[in-house]
Amino acid sequence: MAASRGFWIFVGVELLLIGALLGSLSATGVDPANAPHGPIEYAVNRYQTLITGVAALLAAFWTTSTVLHQIKTSEQHHAQQRFAALANELDALEGLVEYLDRIETIRRYVISHGRDMFEPPLNLTYRVSMHTSHRVSNAFSDLVARVSDYNQSDRTAEKLYGGPTDGTSRHSALTIDLTGSAKTLADFARERIAVINAMDPSKA
């Protein structure tokens, strides 16, 4: 941790300074009358206030480092819990995008030849309704209803002869609008997936 490294660097610098101070006292000598027990006792007595201050700074630095570490650990744990809580939504959105992309792959055949659209599996409908936002679930419910109505409609002429693909016929206009809605929903779901994945603490 950065805070722990900073603490030990601070300790090391202070020890070097104290060592240098004692070394200088040993090298220059100390009056035996003032320090009968040697330079260490002399340094402790003379620099007692400084040593006490350094000790207080070390204690404060250590406390701050510990608190910062606890805060960061708590934030990481919270981020993991928050991301885990979004797992069901992420799964539903990924399934939704996969389904909507299948509609996009047959878009041309749907518009020009009246081909049936894929209907979503029941488990996807449940997952989207239970685990996504109201905006997504409502848009998906509307889309599913429109797909069902489309598949039940009479498209005999388009199936037999093909039809215009520019929206000039009622069929092509409806299917262009329907497949466009599917693409819009897929794009929105992808944006939400990106937001959720950005919250993954393992990728931070």
Protein backbone atom coordinates (compact mmCIF):
# COMPACT_ATOMS: atom_id res chain seq x y z
CA MET A 1 0.00 0.00 0.00
CA ALA A 2 1.21 3.52 -0.79
CA ALA A 3 0.48 4.77 2.73
CA SER A 4 2.47 1.90 4.31
CA ARG A 5 5.42 2.55 2.02
CA GLY A 6 5.31 6.23 2.96
CA PHE A 7 5.30 5.34 6.64
CA TRP A 8 8.37 3.13 6.41
CA ILE A 9 10.19 5.68 4.28
CA PHE A 10 9.46 8.26 6.96
CA VAL A 11 10.72 5.90 9.67
CA GLY A 12 13.86 5.19 7.71
CA VAL A 13 14.63 8.88 7.22
CA GLU A 14 14.13 9.58 10.91
CA LEU A 15 16.38 6.69 11.92
CA LEU A 16 19.06 7.93 9.54
CA LEU A 17 18.87 11.40 11.04
CA ILE A 18 19.10 10.05 14.58
CA GLY A 19 21.98 7.79 13.60
CA ALA A 20 23.79 10.68 11.97
CA LEU A 21 23.26 12.78 15.09
CA LEU A 22 24.67 10.08 17.37
CA GLY A 23 27.53 9.48 14.98
CA SER A 24 28.47 13.14 14.96
CA LEU A 25 28.41 13.22 18.73
CA SER A 26 30.65 10.17 18.91
CA ALA A 27 33.05 11.62 16.38
CA THR A 28 33.36 15.07 17.95
CA GLY A 29 33.29 13.84 21.49
CA VAL A 30 31.17 14.83 24.46
CA ASP A 31 32.26 16.42 27.73
CA PRO A 32 32.35 13.51 30.27
CA ALA A 33 31.12 15.86 32.96
CA ASN A 34 27.91 16.43 31.04
CA ALA A 35 27.47 12.84 29.89
CA PRO A 36 29.06 10.36 32.29
CA HIS A 37 27.27 7.48 30.51
CA GLY A 38 28.34 8.38 26.99
CA PRO A 39 26.98 10.17 23.91
CA ILE A 40 23.68 8.25 23.74
CA GLU A 41 22.64 9.41 27.21
CA TYR A 42 23.80 12.92 26.31
CA ALA A 43 21.77 12.91 23.08
CA VAL A 44 18.66 11.57 24.81
CA ASN A 45 18.84 14.22 27.52
CA ARG A 46 19.66 17.09 25.17
CA TYR A 47 17.24 16.17 22.38
CA GLN A 48 14.46 14.69 24.49
CA THR A 49 11.88 17.14 23.09
CA LEU A 50 12.92 16.42 19.51
CA ILE A 51 12.81 12.67 20.06
CA THR A 52 9.38 12.94 21.69
CA GLY A 53 8.12 14.98 18.75
CA VAL A 54 9.48 12.48 16.24
CA ALA A 55 7.83 9.64 18.16
CA ALA A 56 4.53 11.55 18.12
CA LEU A 57 4.86 12.11 14.37
CA LEU A 58 5.56 8.41 13.83
CA ALA A 59 2.50 7.46 15.87
CA ALA A 60 0.31 9.93 13.97
CA PHE A 61 1.66 8.77 10.63
CA TRP A 62 1.07 5.13 11.56
CA THR A 63 -2.48 5.86 12.71
CA THR A 64 -3.24 7.77 9.51
CA SER A 65 -1.77 4.98 7.39
CA THR A 66 -3.87 2.37 9.17
CA VAL A 67 -7.07 4.40 8.83
CA LEU A 68 -6.45 5.05 5.13
CA HIS A 69 -5.83 1.35 4.58
CA GLN A 70 -9.09 0.47 6.37
CA ILE A 71 -11.01 3.03 4.31
CA LYS A 72 -9.59 1.70 1.04
CA THR A 73 -10.34 -1.89 2.05
CA SER A 74 -13.90 -0.91 2.95
CA GLU A 75 -14.35 0.90 -0.37
CA GLN A 76 -13.07 -2.12 -2.29
CA HIS A 77 -15.43 -4.41 -0.39
CA HIS A 78 -18.34 -2.06 -1.08
CA ALA A 79 -17.42 -1.91 -4.78
CA GLN A 80 -17.33 -5.71 -4.96
CA GLN A 81 -20.75 -5.97 -3.28
CA ARG A 82 -22.21 -3.31 -5.59
CA PHE A 83 -20.88 -5.07 -8.69
CA ALA A 84 -22.11 -8.46 -7.47
CA ALA A 85 -25.58 -6.97 -6.96
CA LEU A 86 -25.62 -6.05 -10.66
CA ALA A 87 -24.73 -9.56 -11.86
CA ASN A 88 -28.34 -10.48 -12.67
CA GLU A 89 -28.92 -7.26 -14.58
CA LEU A 90 -25.71 -7.77 -16.53
CA ASP A 91 -26.72 -11.33 -17.43
CA ALA A 92 -30.18 -10.18 -18.57
CA LEU A 93 -28.78 -7.34 -20.66
CA GLU A 94 -26.23 -9.59 -22.36
CA GLY A 95 -28.98 -12.07 -23.21
CA LEU A 96 -31.14 -9.22 -24.50
CA VAL A 97 -28.39 -7.93 -26.78
CA GLU A 98 -27.78 -11.41 -28.13
CA TYR A 99 -31.48 -11.79 -28.98
CA LEU A 100 -31.78 -8.33 -30.57
CA ASP A 101 -28.66 -8.94 -32.65
CA ARG A 102 -30.34 -12.04 -34.09
CA ILE A 103 -33.19 -9.85 -35.29
CA GLU A 104 -30.70 -7.51 -36.92
CA THR A 105 -29.06 -10.38 -38.84
CA ILE A 106 -32.34 -11.22 -40.62
CA ARG A 107 -33.51 -7.61 -41.01
CA ARG A 108 -33.26 -7.58 -44.82
CA TYR A 109 -35.18 -10.85 -45.19
CA VAL A 110 -37.87 -9.68 -42.79
CA ILE A 111 -38.42 -6.44 -44.67
CA SER A 112 -38.29 -7.78 -48.23
CA HIS A 113 -39.70 -11.30 -47.86
CA GLY A 114 -41.92 -11.19 -44.76
CA ARG A 115 -39.85 -13.73 -42.87
CA ASP A 116 -40.92 -14.55 -39.32
CA MET A 117 -38.97 -12.84 -36.57
CA PHE A 118 -37.33 -14.73 -33.75
CA GLU A 119 -39.41 -14.62 -30.59
CA PRO A 120 -37.45 -14.39 -27.34
CA PRO A 121 -37.14 -17.45 -25.09
CA LEU A 122 -39.32 -17.34 -21.99
CA ASN A 123 -36.36 -17.31 -19.62
CA LEU A 124 -35.01 -14.16 -21.31
CA THR A 125 -38.39 -12.44 -20.99
CA TYR A 126 -38.41 -13.28 -17.27
CA ARG A 127 -34.81 -12.15 -16.70
CA VAL A 128 -35.34 -8.83 -18.47
CA SER A 129 -38.60 -8.13 -16.63
CA MET A 130 -37.13 -8.98 -13.21
CA HIS A 131 -33.58 -7.64 -13.37
CA THR A 132 -33.47 -4.60 -15.66
CA SER A 133 -34.73 -1.04 -15.35
CA HIS A 134 -38.33 -0.10 -16.09
CA ARG A 135 -37.15 1.66 -19.23
CA VAL A 136 -35.52 -1.46 -20.62
CA SER A 137 -38.18 -3.94 -19.47
CA ASN A 138 -41.05 -1.78 -20.79
CA ALA A 139 -39.33 -1.24 -24.14
CA PHE A 140 -38.64 -4.96 -24.40
CA SER A 141 -42.23 -5.88 -23.49
CA ASP A 142 -43.51 -3.54 -26.20
CA LEU A 143 -41.07 -5.01 -28.70
CA VAL A 144 -42.06 -8.60 -27.85
CA ALA A 145 -45.74 -7.74 -28.33
CA ARG A 146 -45.00 -6.15 -31.68
CA VAL A 147 -42.93 -9.15 -32.80
CA SER A 148 -45.76 -11.49 -31.83
CA ASP A 149 -48.32 -9.38 -33.73
CA TYR A 150 -46.02 -9.27 -36.73
CA ASN A 151 -45.52 -13.04 -36.79
CA GLN A 152 -49.30 -13.56 -36.67
CA SER A 153 -50.01 -11.07 -39.47
CA ASP A 154 -50.77 -12.02 -43.08
CA ARG A 155 -47.60 -11.64 -45.11
CA THR A 156 -48.52 -13.94 -48.00
CA ALA A 157 -47.71 -11.41 -50.71
CA GLU A 158 -44.26 -10.63 -49.33
CA LYS A 159 -43.46 -14.32 -48.83
CA LEU A 160 -44.47 -15.20 -52.39
CA TYR A 161 -43.32 -12.22 -54.38
CA GLY A 162 -41.13 -10.12 -52.14
CA GLY A 163 -41.83 -6.49 -51.49
CA PRO A 164 -40.28 -3.03 -51.47
CA THR A 165 -37.59 -2.43 -48.87
CA ASP A 166 -37.74 1.36 -48.77
CA GLY A 167 -40.74 1.78 -46.47
CA THR A 168 -43.20 2.61 -49.25
CA SER A 169 -45.46 -0.34 -48.42
CA ARG A 170 -47.27 -0.78 -45.12
CA HIS A 171 -45.38 -4.00 -44.46
CA SER A 172 -41.93 -2.57 -45.10
CA ALA A 173 -42.72 0.58 -43.11
CA LEU A 174 -43.83 -1.46 -40.09
CA THR A 175 -40.88 -3.84 -40.22
CA ILE A 176 -38.35 -1.04 -40.70
CA ASP A 177 -39.81 0.66 -37.63
CA LEU A 178 -39.81 -2.60 -35.64
CA THR A 179 -36.25 -3.61 -36.49
CA GLY A 180 -35.13 -0.03 -35.88
CA SER A 181 -36.66 -0.16 -32.40
CA ALA A 182 -34.80 -3.44 -31.77
CA LYS A 183 -31.49 -1.83 -32.78
CA THR A 184 -32.12 1.22 -30.58
CA LEU A 185 -32.85 -0.99 -27.58
CA ALA A 186 -29.75 -3.09 -28.27
CA ASP A 187 -27.57 0.04 -28.39
CA PHE A 188 -29.01 1.28 -25.09
CA ALA A 189 -28.45 -2.13 -23.48
CA ARG A 190 -24.83 -2.11 -24.67
CA GLU A 191 -24.29 1.30 -23.06
CA ARG A 192 -25.67 0.00 -19.77
CA ILE A 193 -23.47 -3.11 -20.01
CA ALA A 194 -20.44 -0.87 -20.48
CA VAL A 195 -21.41 1.15 -17.39
CA ILE A 196 -21.77 -2.00 -15.28
CA ASN A 197 -18.49 -3.49 -16.52
CA ALA A 198 -16.73 -0.23 -15.67
CA MET A 199 -17.79 -0.81 -12.05
CA ASP A 200 -15.98 -4.16 -11.89
CA PRO A 201 -13.33 -3.69 -9.15
CA SER A 202 -11.14 -6.41 -10.66
CA LYS A 203 -10.66 -4.21 -13.74
CA ALA A 204 -9.88 -1.05 -11.82
